[in-house]
Every structure is written in structure tokens, then in C-alpha cells.
C-alpha atoms as a PDB file:
ATOM      1  CA  MET A   1     111.639  59.849  83.344  1.00  0.00           C
ATOM      2  CA  LYS A   2     115.294  59.447  84.253  1.00  0.00           C
ATOM      3  CA  TYR A   3     117.661  60.178  81.394  1.00  0.00           C
ATOM      4  CA  LYS A   4     121.145  61.573  80.878  1.00  0.00           C
ATOM      5  CA  VAL A   5     122.261  63.772  77.980  1.00  0.00           C
ATOM      6  CA  LEU A   6     125.847  63.555  76.739  1.00  0.00           C
ATOM      7  CA  SER A   7     127.480  65.251  73.745  1.00  0.00           C
ATOM      8  CA  ASP A   8     126.588  62.475  71.323  1.00  0.00           C
ATOM      9  CA  LYS A   9     123.971  60.383  73.084  1.00  0.00           C
ATOM     10  CA  ILE A  10     121.014  60.177  75.434  1.00  0.00           C
ATOM     11  CA  ILE A  11     120.932  57.428  78.039  1.00  0.00           C
ATOM     12  CA  ILE A  12     117.489  56.434  79.325  1.00  0.00           C
ATOM     13  CA  GLU A  13     118.036  54.612  82.596  1.00  0.00           C
ATOM     14  CA  ASP A  14     114.389  53.850  83.420  1.00  0.00           C
ATOM     15  CA  SER A  15     112.510  52.361  80.493  1.00  0.00           C
ATOM     16  CA  THR A  16     109.171  51.951  82.278  1.00  0.00           C
ATOM     17  CA  ASP A  17     107.623  54.607  80.045  1.00  0.00           C
ATOM     18  CA  PHE A  18     109.877  54.162  77.005  1.00  0.00           C
ATOM     19  CA  ASP A  19     109.814  51.189  74.655  1.00  0.00           C
ATOM     20  CA  ILE A  20     111.196  51.921  71.186  1.00  0.00           C
ATOM     21  CA  MET A  21     109.145  49.182  69.534  1.00  0.00           C
ATOM     22  CA  HIS A  22     105.944  50.525  71.087  1.00  0.00           C
ATOM     23  CA  ILE A  23     106.832  54.091  70.054  1.00  0.00           C
ATOM     24  CA  LEU A  24     107.782  53.428  66.442  1.00  0.00           C
ATOM     25  CA  GLU A  25     105.407  50.596  65.586  1.00  0.00           C
ATOM     26  CA  CYS A  26     102.182  52.037  67.001  1.00  0.00           C
ATOM     27  CA  GLY A  27     101.277  53.743  63.725  1.00  0.00           C
ATOM     28  CA  GLN A  28     102.282  57.335  64.440  1.00  0.00           C
ATOM     29  CA  VAL A  29     105.516  57.538  62.421  1.00  0.00           C
ATOM     30  CA  PHE A  30     106.947  56.154  59.168  1.00  0.00           C
ATOM     31  CA  THR A  31     110.515  57.482  59.125  1.00  0.00           C
ATOM     32  CA  TYR A  32     112.549  54.715  60.692  1.00  0.00           C
ATOM     33  CA  THR A  33     114.243  51.431  59.881  1.00  0.00           C
ATOM     34  CA  LYS A  34     114.466  48.380  62.100  1.00  0.00           C
ATOM     35  CA  ASN A  35     117.906  46.796  62.371  1.00  0.00           C
ATOM     36  CA  GLY A  36     117.003  44.124  64.900  1.00  0.00           C
ATOM     37  CA  GLU A  37     115.090  43.595  68.106  1.00  0.00           C
ATOM     38  CA  TYR A  38     115.119  46.891  70.040  1.00  0.00           C
ATOM     39  CA  ASP A  39     117.552  48.422  67.552  1.00  0.00           C
ATOM     40  CA  TYR A  40     116.192  51.150  65.260  1.00  0.00           C
ATOM     41  CA  ASP A  41     117.456  53.999  63.104  1.00  0.00           C
ATOM     42  CA  VAL A  42     115.237  57.078  63.322  1.00  0.00           C
ATOM     43  CA  TYR A  43     115.117  59.986  60.852  1.00  0.00           C
ATOM     44  CA  SER A  44     113.481  63.369  61.353  1.00  0.00           C
ATOM     45  CA  LEU A  45     114.073  66.383  59.075  1.00  0.00           C
ATOM     46  CA  ASP A  46     117.875  66.440  58.722  1.00  0.00           C
ATOM     47  CA  ASN A  47     118.504  64.577  61.986  1.00  0.00           C
ATOM     48  CA  PHE A  48     119.399  60.945  62.639  1.00  0.00           C
ATOM     49  CA  ALA A  49     119.532  58.754  65.740  1.00  0.00           C
ATOM     50  CA  ASN A  50     120.175  55.110  66.463  1.00  0.00           C
ATOM     51  CA  VAL A  51     118.127  53.777  69.373  1.00  0.00           C
ATOM     52  CA  LYS A  52     119.231  50.549  70.997  1.00  0.00           C
ATOM     53  CA  LEU A  53     118.417  48.678  74.205  1.00  0.00           C
ATOM     54  CA  ILE A  54     121.645  47.660  75.954  1.00  0.00           C
ATOM     55  CA  ASP A  55     121.699  46.038  79.415  1.00  0.00           C
ATOM     56  CA  GLY A  56     118.278  47.386  80.298  1.00  0.00           C
ATOM     57  CA  LYS A  57     119.075  50.951  79.213  1.00  0.00           C
ATOM     58  CA  TYR A  58     118.172  52.735  76.006  1.00  0.00           C
ATOM     59  CA  ILE A  59     121.110  54.373  74.272  1.00  0.00           C
ATOM     60  CA  ILE A  60     120.103  57.033  71.730  1.00  0.00           C
ATOM     61  CA  THR A  61     123.193  57.843  69.681  1.00  0.00           C
ATOM     62  CA  THR A  62     122.948  61.109  67.748  1.00  0.00           C
ATOM     63  CA  GLN A  63     124.801  64.287  66.841  1.00  0.00           C
ATOM     64  CA  ASN A  64     121.824  66.310  68.068  1.00  0.00           C
ATOM     65  CA  PRO A  65     120.745  65.028  71.512  1.00  0.00           C
ATOM     66  CA  LYS A  66     118.707  68.167  72.272  1.00  0.00           C
ATOM     67  CA  TYR A  67     116.564  67.587  69.170  1.00  0.00           C
ATOM     68  CA  PHE A  68     115.778  63.999  70.173  1.00  0.00           C
ATOM     69  CA  VAL A  69     114.999  64.874  73.797  1.00  0.00           C
ATOM     70  CA  ASN A  70     112.161  66.930  72.335  1.00  0.00           C
ATOM     71  CA  TYR A  71     111.382  64.434  69.551  1.00  0.00           C
ATOM     72  CA  PHE A  72     110.833  61.593  72.021  1.00  0.00           C
ATOM     73  CA  ASP A  73     108.956  63.885  74.424  1.00  0.00           C
ATOM     74  CA  LEU A  74     111.229  62.836  77.269  1.00  0.00           C
ATOM     75  CA  ASP A  75     110.194  65.613  79.660  1.00  0.00           C
ATOM     76  CA  THR A  76     106.497  64.733  79.698  1.00  0.00           C
ATOM     77  CA  ASP A  77     105.193  62.739  82.674  1.00  0.00           C
ATOM     78  CA  TYR A  78     103.535  59.749  81.038  1.00  0.00           C
ATOM     79  CA  ASN A  79     102.826  58.124  84.379  1.00  0.00           C
ATOM     80  CA  ALA A  80     100.442  60.994  85.173  1.00  0.00           C
ATOM     81  CA  ILE A  81      98.836  60.701  81.726  1.00  0.00           C
ATOM     82  CA  LYS A  82      98.293  56.974  82.152  1.00  0.00           C
ATOM     83  CA  LYS A  83      96.583  57.528  85.497  1.00  0.00           C
ATOM     84  CA  ASP A  84      94.334  60.210  84.007  1.00  0.00           C
ATOM     85  CA  ILE A  85      93.114  58.105  81.082  1.00  0.00           C
ATOM     86  CA  SER A  86      92.727  54.801  82.961  1.00  0.00           C
ATOM     87  CA  LYS A  87      88.953  55.123  83.254  1.00  0.00           C
ATOM     88  CA  ASN A  88      88.044  51.449  82.871  1.00  0.00           C
ATOM     89  CA  GLU A  89      89.614  48.001  82.810  1.00  0.00           C
ATOM     90  CA  TYR A  90      89.847  48.002  79.009  1.00  0.00           C
ATOM     91  CA  ILE A  91      92.069  51.083  78.794  1.00  0.00           C
ATOM     92  CA  LYS A  92      94.071  49.878  81.818  1.00  0.00           C
ATOM     93  CA  LYS A  93      94.942  46.706  79.883  1.00  0.00           C
ATOM     94  CA  ALA A  94      95.823  48.781  76.808  1.00  0.00           C
ATOM     95  CA  VAL A  95      98.108  51.044  78.848  1.00  0.00           C
ATOM     96  CA  GLU A  96      99.819  48.061  80.425  1.00  0.00           C
ATOM     97  CA  PHE A  97     100.260  46.413  77.016  1.00  0.00           C
ATOM     98  CA  GLY A  98     101.711  49.524  75.346  1.00  0.00           C
ATOM     99  CA  HIS A  99     103.328  51.012  78.442  1.00  0.00           C
ATOM    100  CA  GLY A 100     106.312  52.363  76.501  1.00  0.00           C
ATOM    101  CA  ILE A 101     104.393  54.481  73.966  1.00  0.00           C
ATOM    102  CA  ARG A 102     105.237  58.183  73.706  1.00  0.00           C
ATOM    103  CA  ILE A 103     103.722  60.604  71.199  1.00  0.00           C
ATOM    104  CA  LEU A 104     106.547  61.996  69.108  1.00  0.00           C
ATOM    105  CA  HIS A 105     107.181  65.647  68.235  1.00  0.00           C
ATOM    106  CA  GLN A 106     107.522  65.237  64.489  1.00  0.00           C
ATOM    107  CA  SER A 107     108.076  67.603  61.577  1.00  0.00           C
ATOM    108  CA  LEU A 108     104.764  68.920  60.229  1.00  0.00           C
ATOM    109  CA  LEU A 109     105.837  68.481  56.607  1.00  0.00           C
ATOM    110  CA  GLU A 110     106.820  64.850  57.155  1.00  0.00           C
ATOM    111  CA  VAL A 111     103.591  64.116  59.025  1.00  0.00           C
ATOM    112  CA  ILE A 112     101.405  65.642  56.309  1.00  0.00           C
ATOM    113  CA  ILE A 113     103.199  63.748  53.543  1.00  0.00           C
ATOM    114  CA  GLY A 114     103.349  60.512  55.539  1.00  0.00           C
ATOM    115  CA  PHE A 115      99.692  60.397  56.478  1.00  0.00           C
ATOM    116  CA  ILE A 116      98.497  61.206  52.969  1.00  0.00           C
ATOM    117  CA  ILE A 117     100.499  58.158  51.876  1.00  0.00           C
ATOM    118  CA  SER A 118      99.010  56.155  54.770  1.00  0.00           C
ATOM    119  CA  ALA A 119      95.449  56.191  53.424  1.00  0.00           C
ATOM    120  CA  ASN A 120      94.356  52.578  52.766  1.00  0.00           C
ATOM    121  CA  ASN A 121      97.973  51.488  53.052  1.00  0.00           C
ATOM    122  CA  ASN A 122     100.157  49.401  55.363  1.00  0.00           C
ATOM    123  CA  ILE A 123     103.065  50.536  57.511  1.00  0.00           C
ATOM    124  CA  LEU A 124     105.731  48.582  55.616  1.00  0.00           C
ATOM    125  CA  ARG A 125     104.761  50.147  52.277  1.00  0.00           C
ATOM    126  CA  ILE A 126     104.431  53.613  53.812  1.00  0.00           C
ATOM    127  CA  THR A 127     107.894  53.475  55.396  1.00  0.00           C
ATOM    128  CA  LYS A 128     109.435  52.287  52.116  1.00  0.00           C
ATOM    129  CA  THR A 129     107.812  55.137  50.181  1.00  0.00           C
ATOM    130  CA  MET A 130     108.958  57.676  52.785  1.00  0.00           C
ATOM    131  CA  GLN A 131     112.510  56.323  52.546  1.00  0.00           C
ATOM    132  CA  LYS A 132     112.473  56.810  48.786  1.00  0.00           C
ATOM    133  CA  ILE A 133     111.157  60.355  49.172  1.00  0.00           C
ATOM    134  CA  ARG A 134     114.076  61.099  51.499  1.00  0.00           C
ATOM    135  CA  GLU A 135     116.484  60.263  48.671  1.00  0.00           C
ATOM    136  CA  PHE A 136     115.401  63.548  47.054  1.00  0.00           C
ATOM    137  CA  GLY A 137     116.714  65.386  50.120  1.00  0.00           C
ATOM    138  CA  GLU A 138     120.225  66.447  51.054  1.00  0.00           C
ATOM    139  CA  ASN A 139     122.754  63.603  51.219  1.00  0.00           C
ATOM    140  CA  LYS A 140     124.108  63.623  54.782  1.00  0.00           C
ATOM    141  CA  GLY A 141     126.610  60.835  54.123  1.00  0.00           C
ATOM    142  CA  SER A 142     125.017  57.821  55.801  1.00  0.00           C
ATOM    143  CA  TYR A 143     121.426  59.016  55.329  1.00  0.00           C
ATOM    144  CA  TYR A 144     119.288  61.593  53.549  1.00  0.00           C
ATOM    145  CA  ALA A 145     117.543  64.580  55.085  1.00  0.00           C
ATOM    146  CA  PHE A 146     113.835  64.899  54.395  1.00  0.00           C
ATOM    147  CA  PRO A 147     113.404  67.131  51.317  1.00  0.00           C
ATOM    148  CA  THR A 148     112.447  70.745  51.827  1.00  0.00           C
ATOM    149  CA  LEU A 149     109.152  71.894  50.346  1.00  0.00           C
ATOM    150  CA  GLU A 150     111.115  73.521  47.534  1.00  0.00           C
ATOM    151  CA  ARG A 151     112.879  70.262  46.752  1.00  0.00           C
ATOM    152  CA  LEU A 152     109.606  68.311  46.891  1.00  0.00           C
ATOM    153  CA  HIS A 153     108.437  70.437  43.963  1.00  0.00           C
ATOM    154  CA  ASP A 154     110.975  68.600  41.785  1.00  0.00           C
ATOM    155  CA  ILE A 155     109.218  65.255  42.305  1.00  0.00           C
ATOM    156  CA  SER A 156     106.771  64.377  39.524  1.00  0.00           C
ATOM    157  CA  VAL A 157     103.584  62.344  39.805  1.00  0.00           C
ATOM    158  CA  GLN A 158     105.378  59.501  38.018  1.00  0.00           C
ATOM    159  CA  ASP A 159     108.255  59.736  40.509  1.00  0.00           C
ATOM    160  CA  PHE A 160     105.791  59.304  43.377  1.00  0.00           C
ATOM    161  CA  ILE A 161     104.204  56.341  41.582  1.00  0.00           C
ATOM    162  CA  ASN A 162     107.648  54.777  41.147  1.00  0.00           C
ATOM    163  CA  MET A 163     108.173  55.200  44.897  1.00  0.00           C
ATOM    164  CA  GLY A 164     105.083  53.112  45.598  1.00  0.00           C
ATOM    165  CA  ALA A 165     102.618  55.906  46.393  1.00  0.00           C
ATOM    166  CA  GLY A 166     100.037  54.508  43.958  1.00  0.00           C
ATOM    167  CA  TYR A 167      96.912  56.621  43.453  1.00  0.00           C
ATOM    168  CA  ARG A 168      98.123  58.904  46.255  1.00  0.00           C
ATOM    169  CA  ALA A 169     100.854  60.223  43.931  1.00  0.00           C
ATOM    170  CA  GLN A 170      98.539  62.827  42.437  1.00  0.00           C
ATOM    171  CA  TYR A 171      97.467  63.896  45.942  1.00  0.00           C
ATOM    172  CA  LEU A 172     101.077  64.436  46.999  1.00  0.00           C
ATOM    173  CA  PHE A 173     101.869  66.402  43.851  1.00  0.00           C
ATOM    174  CA  LYS A 174      98.875  68.709  44.464  1.00  0.00           C
ATOM    175  CA  VAL A 175      99.367  69.111  48.228  1.00  0.00           C
ATOM    176  CA  ILE A 176     102.996  70.160  47.828  1.00  0.00           C
ATOM    177  CA  ARG A 177     101.733  73.068  45.723  1.00  0.00           C
ATOM    178  CA  GLN A 178      98.879  73.830  48.119  1.00  0.00           C
ATOM    179  CA  LEU A 179     101.413  74.153  50.936  1.00  0.00           C
ATOM    180  CA  ASP A 180     103.044  77.054  49.080  1.00  0.00           C
ATOM    181  CA  ASN A 181     100.089  79.150  50.194  1.00  0.00           C
ATOM    182  CA  VAL A 182     100.598  78.792  53.943  1.00  0.00           C
ATOM    183  CA  ASP A 183     103.400  79.154  56.503  1.00  0.00           C
ATOM    184  CA  LEU A 184     103.356  75.895  58.457  1.00  0.00           C
ATOM    185  CA  ASN A 185     104.923  77.611  61.472  1.00  0.00           C
ATOM    186  CA  GLU A 186     102.007  80.039  61.589  1.00  0.00           C
ATOM    187  CA  THR A 187      99.503  77.183  61.623  1.00  0.00           C
ATOM    188  CA  LEU A 188     100.887  76.084  64.999  1.00  0.00           C
ATOM    189  CA  SER A 189      98.965  78.950  66.606  1.00  0.00           C
ATOM    190  CA  TRP A 190      95.632  78.113  64.947  1.00  0.00           C
ATOM    191  CA  ASP A 191      92.849  76.574  67.018  1.00  0.00           C
ATOM    192  CA  THR A 192      92.016  72.934  66.369  1.00  0.00           C
ATOM    193  CA  LYS A 193      88.762  73.650  64.528  1.00  0.00           C
ATOM    194  CA  THR A 194      90.461  76.062  62.115  1.00  0.00           C
ATOM    195  CA  LEU A 195      93.342  73.651  61.597  1.00  0.00           C
ATOM    196  CA  LYS A 196      91.076  70.736  60.815  1.00  0.00           C
ATOM    197  CA  SER A 197      89.087  72.796  58.316  1.00  0.00           C
ATOM    198  CA  TRP A 198      92.314  73.783  56.555  1.00  0.00           C
ATOM    199  CA  LEU A 199      93.672  70.235  56.567  1.00  0.00           C
ATOM    200  CA  LEU A 200      90.457  68.940  55.016  1.00  0.00           C
ATOM    201  CA  SER A 201      90.996  71.399  52.152  1.00  0.00           C
ATOM    202  CA  LEU A 202      94.225  69.585  51.229  1.00  0.00           C
ATOM    203  CA  MET A 203      94.069  67.040  48.432  1.00  0.00           C
ATOM    204  CA  GLY A 204      93.795  63.495  49.770  1.00  0.00           C
ATOM    205  CA  VAL A 205      93.096  64.505  53.374  1.00  0.00           C
ATOM    206  CA  GLY A 206      89.887  63.121  54.852  1.00  0.00           C
ATOM    207  CA  PRO A 207      88.658  63.276  58.484  1.00  0.00           C
ATOM    208  CA  LYS A 208      90.775  60.388  59.778  1.00  0.00           C
ATOM    209  CA  VAL A 209      94.000  61.606  58.108  1.00  0.00           C
ATOM    210  CA  ALA A 210      93.270  65.152  59.319  1.00  0.00           C
ATOM    211  CA  ASP A 211      92.900  63.895  62.899  1.00  0.00           C
ATOM    212  CA  CYS A 212      96.172  61.942  62.585  1.00  0.00           C
ATOM    213  CA  ILE A 213      98.001  65.061  61.400  1.00  0.00           C
ATOM    214  CA  LEU A 214      96.450  67.085  64.229  1.00  0.00           C
ATOM    215  CA  LEU A 215      97.521  64.533  66.838  1.00  0.00           C
ATOM    216  CA  PHE A 216     100.926  63.479  65.537  1.00  0.00           C
ATOM    217  CA  GLY A 217     102.003  66.719  63.864  1.00  0.00           C
ATOM    218  CA  TYR A 218     100.413  69.364  66.047  1.00  0.00           C
ATOM    219  CA  GLY A 219     100.128  67.458  69.320  1.00  0.00           C
ATOM    220  CA  ARG A 220      96.415  68.234  69.568  1.00  0.00           C
ATOM    221  CA  CYS A 221      95.212  65.688  72.101  1.00  0.00           C
ATOM    222  CA  ASP A 222      91.620  66.848  71.706  1.00  0.00           C
ATOM    223  CA  CYS A 223      91.553  64.674  68.571  1.00  0.00           C
ATOM    224  CA  PHE A 224      90.800  60.971  68.322  1.00  0.00           C
ATOM    225  CA  PRO A 225      91.526  59.407  64.908  1.00  0.00           C
ATOM    226  CA  VAL A 226      89.033  56.627  64.207  1.00  0.00           C
ATOM    227  CA  ASP A 227      89.819  53.734  61.883  1.00  0.00           C
ATOM    228  CA  THR A 228      88.729  50.093  61.769  1.00  0.00           C
ATOM    229  CA  TRP A 229      90.613  49.246  64.974  1.00  0.00           C
ATOM    230  CA  ILE A 230      89.235  52.187  66.946  1.00  0.00           C
ATOM    231  CA  GLU A 231      85.750  51.297  65.721  1.00  0.00           C
ATOM    232  CA  LYS A 232      86.263  47.908  67.395  1.00  0.00           C
ATOM    233  CA  VAL A 233      87.503  49.647  70.551  1.00  0.00           C
ATOM    234  CA  TYR A 234      84.429  51.890  70.613  1.00  0.00           C
ATOM    235  CA  ILE A 235      82.097  48.920  70.292  1.00  0.00           C
ATOM    236  CA  ASP A 236      84.058  47.058  72.986  1.00  0.00           C
ATOM    237  CA  ILE A 237      83.735  49.980  75.424  1.00  0.00           C
ATOM    238  CA  PHE A 238      80.301  51.421  74.652  1.00  0.00           C
ATOM    239  CA  GLU A 239      78.632  48.279  73.228  1.00  0.00           C
ATOM    240  CA  THR A 240      77.099  50.237  70.366  1.00  0.00           C
ATOM    241  CA  LYS A 241      78.121  51.601  66.987  1.00  0.00           C
ATOM    242  CA  GLN A 242      77.934  55.170  65.684  1.00  0.00           C
ATOM    243  CA  SER A 243      79.320  57.100  62.738  1.00  0.00           C
ATOM    244  CA  ARG A 244      83.086  57.566  62.915  1.00  0.00           C
ATOM    245  CA  ALA A 245      82.606  61.296  63.503  1.00  0.00           C
ATOM    246  CA  LYS A 246      80.339  60.586  66.494  1.00  0.00           C
ATOM    247  CA  MET A 247      82.752  57.946  67.806  1.00  0.00           C
ATOM    248  CA  SER A 248      85.599  60.462  67.714  1.00  0.00           C
ATOM    249  CA  ILE A 249      83.560  63.076  69.614  1.00  0.00           C
ATOM    250  CA  ASP A 250      82.386  60.531  72.195  1.00  0.00           C
ATOM    251  CA  LEU A 251      85.918  59.245  72.797  1.00  0.00           C
ATOM    252  CA  VAL A 252      87.353  62.767  73.199  1.00  0.00           C
ATOM    253  CA  ASN A 253      84.593  63.592  75.678  1.00  0.00           C
ATOM    254  CA  TYR A 254      85.158  60.331  77.539  1.00  0.00           C
ATOM    255  CA  PHE A 255      88.926  60.601  77.896  1.00  0.00           C
ATOM    256  CA  GLY A 256      89.180  64.393  78.173  1.00  0.00           C
ATOM    257  CA  LYS A 257      92.312  66.477  77.714  1.00  0.00           C
ATOM    258  CA  ASN A 258      94.549  63.425  77.194  1.00  0.00           C
ATOM    259  CA  ALA A 259      92.273  61.694  74.675  1.00  0.00           C
ATOM    260  CA  GLY A 260      94.990  61.617  72.003  1.00  0.00           C
ATOM    261  CA  TYR A 261      97.266  59.603  74.261  1.00  0.00           C
ATOM    262  CA  ALA A 262      94.421  57.192  74.985  1.00  0.00           C
ATOM    263  CA  GLN A 263      93.949  56.743  71.237  1.00  0.00           C
ATOM    264  CA  GLN A 264      97.496  55.495  70.794  1.00  0.00           C
ATOM    265  CA  TYR A 265      97.383  52.991  73.653  1.00  0.00           C
ATOM    266  CA  LEU A 266      94.008  51.693  72.465  1.00  0.00           C
ATOM    267  CA  PHE A 267      94.948  51.512  68.782  1.00  0.00           C
ATOM    268  CA  PHE A 268      98.204  49.660  69.498  1.00  0.00           C
ATOM    269  CA  TYR A 269      96.490  47.255  71.883  1.00  0.00           C
ATOM    270  CA  ARG A 270      93.491  46.457  69.701  1.00  0.00           C
ATOM    271  CA  ARG A 271      95.524  46.057  66.505  1.00  0.00           C
ATOM    272  CA  SER A 272      98.013  43.769  68.274  1.00  0.00           C
ATOM    273  CA  PHE A 273      95.377  41.733  70.061  1.00  0.00           C
ATOM    274  CA  VAL A 274      94.357  38.647  68.102  1.00  0.00           C
ATOM    275  CA  LYS A 275      91.033  37.364  69.353  1.00  0.00           C
END
């Protein structure tokens, strides 16, 4: 991908593999606000960026360009990934439809909190709840940093309910205390099986949420989160139905090392496709 890094911005000159709507609205992230068509504010930890399409180029304005080069995974060759996963006409259509998707390098803490909130929820409500949680973080002037784990301890169950977390409020309250017992940086070196077992021990984390955290927090592309939309994809491709656990295994085996990328193209395509 061709891009240029300046002191306060990143300029993406070739947007073939970068579409900010595809990236932010494909279900992998909940820490952004939409200002208008192809104009978004993005928040990650204590960092902020505005991403806007201007004259065919994406301008990412930020005080920390290096952080967002990594965040948007700009140095990964998505053209090669697309070729690798394009195993049938169905996935080829999905890749063409969501050509600008990139899997973000997000903060583990934000991903864990966000996907616990995501259970049986919709993206608009999740993003609103995450915005309210940010207000417990450090005030950076025009935005709030995501709260540290220590600061999250100050949020009560009722606070989470008031933020719109619903029944998930008690899960969040418990998980924040469970996270005291582990160094998240150390978990980066754990194998996927060990990680998934640990994630499933967290309050409110089931198999699908665990796979989402593995893919979007840890970048483990040997995971394939299965929800209602991916169930439809599986039936479309294999013309049969299995348990969600079996579907996930079959899809990882089918798409191989880049299965997680395939999941995002397929999820975005199938959810957007009105038949």
C-alpha cells in the first residue's frame, strides 16, 4: 500500500485496499464516531485520529502517526491475502464487496470490554456504551482516553447499566476484577488454545466472543467467529449445517492461515447483502 507519513498526518494515496467505512463498520471495532460520508473520528487507548477521504486520498490526521500506521495495519499486503483466501466465487464476491477491509491492531483491554458488551447487541448501542465508558478516562481536551484498568475499577454495576450495558453490566464489573490476576502483555505470547481457554473463564465470554477477542485483539487468524451471518455463509458454501463449533473448525481448515481475514470479508458481505 502506498502511503506517506508526515508529522501530523498519514496520506494514503492508493485506497484500493483501504476503505474507512469497510474497516470501521464491519463489526470489528466500536470506538469511533461517524461525522459524515467517509469522515470518521477514531479513538484507541489515549490516541485520536480523524480519517477523511479527500480527492481520492485518505487523510489520517493525528498527533501520533506511527501509532495509526500500526493500528490500521498499513504495512500488511492485503492483495496477497485476498488472493490466498479467494478459493471460490462466493468469497471472491465478498472480497470485491469489502475490498477496503483491514483488521485493526486494537488495544486488548478495549477489545475485551467491547466484545463483552457486544453479546446480543447492535453496533450503534455498543459504540454509545463504549463512548460513555471513555468518559471515565483521562480528559484529553477534545476527547477522552480509554480508562486504565485501575480507573475501570471505579465504575459500578449501576454506572454500567446507566451507560446502556444492560445485563452485561455485571459481567463487566466482574471481568475488570478478573483481569487483575493476569498481565495482558504476557498473554500475547500464549498459544491460541491456552488463550481461548483463559478467555472462556472470563465472565460473559462465550465461544463466539472469545473468538472475536482472539481475532481482533490478538490477531489470531486461526480463529473464525461464527454468528448468525456466518452460519448463513457456511450453509451457502457447504450446503449443510453443523454446530457453530464445527462450522468454525471447518472454515479455519478451508481458508487456512488467513481464515480470520476471510471471516471479515464474508461477515461484512453477508450482513450487507439483502436477499
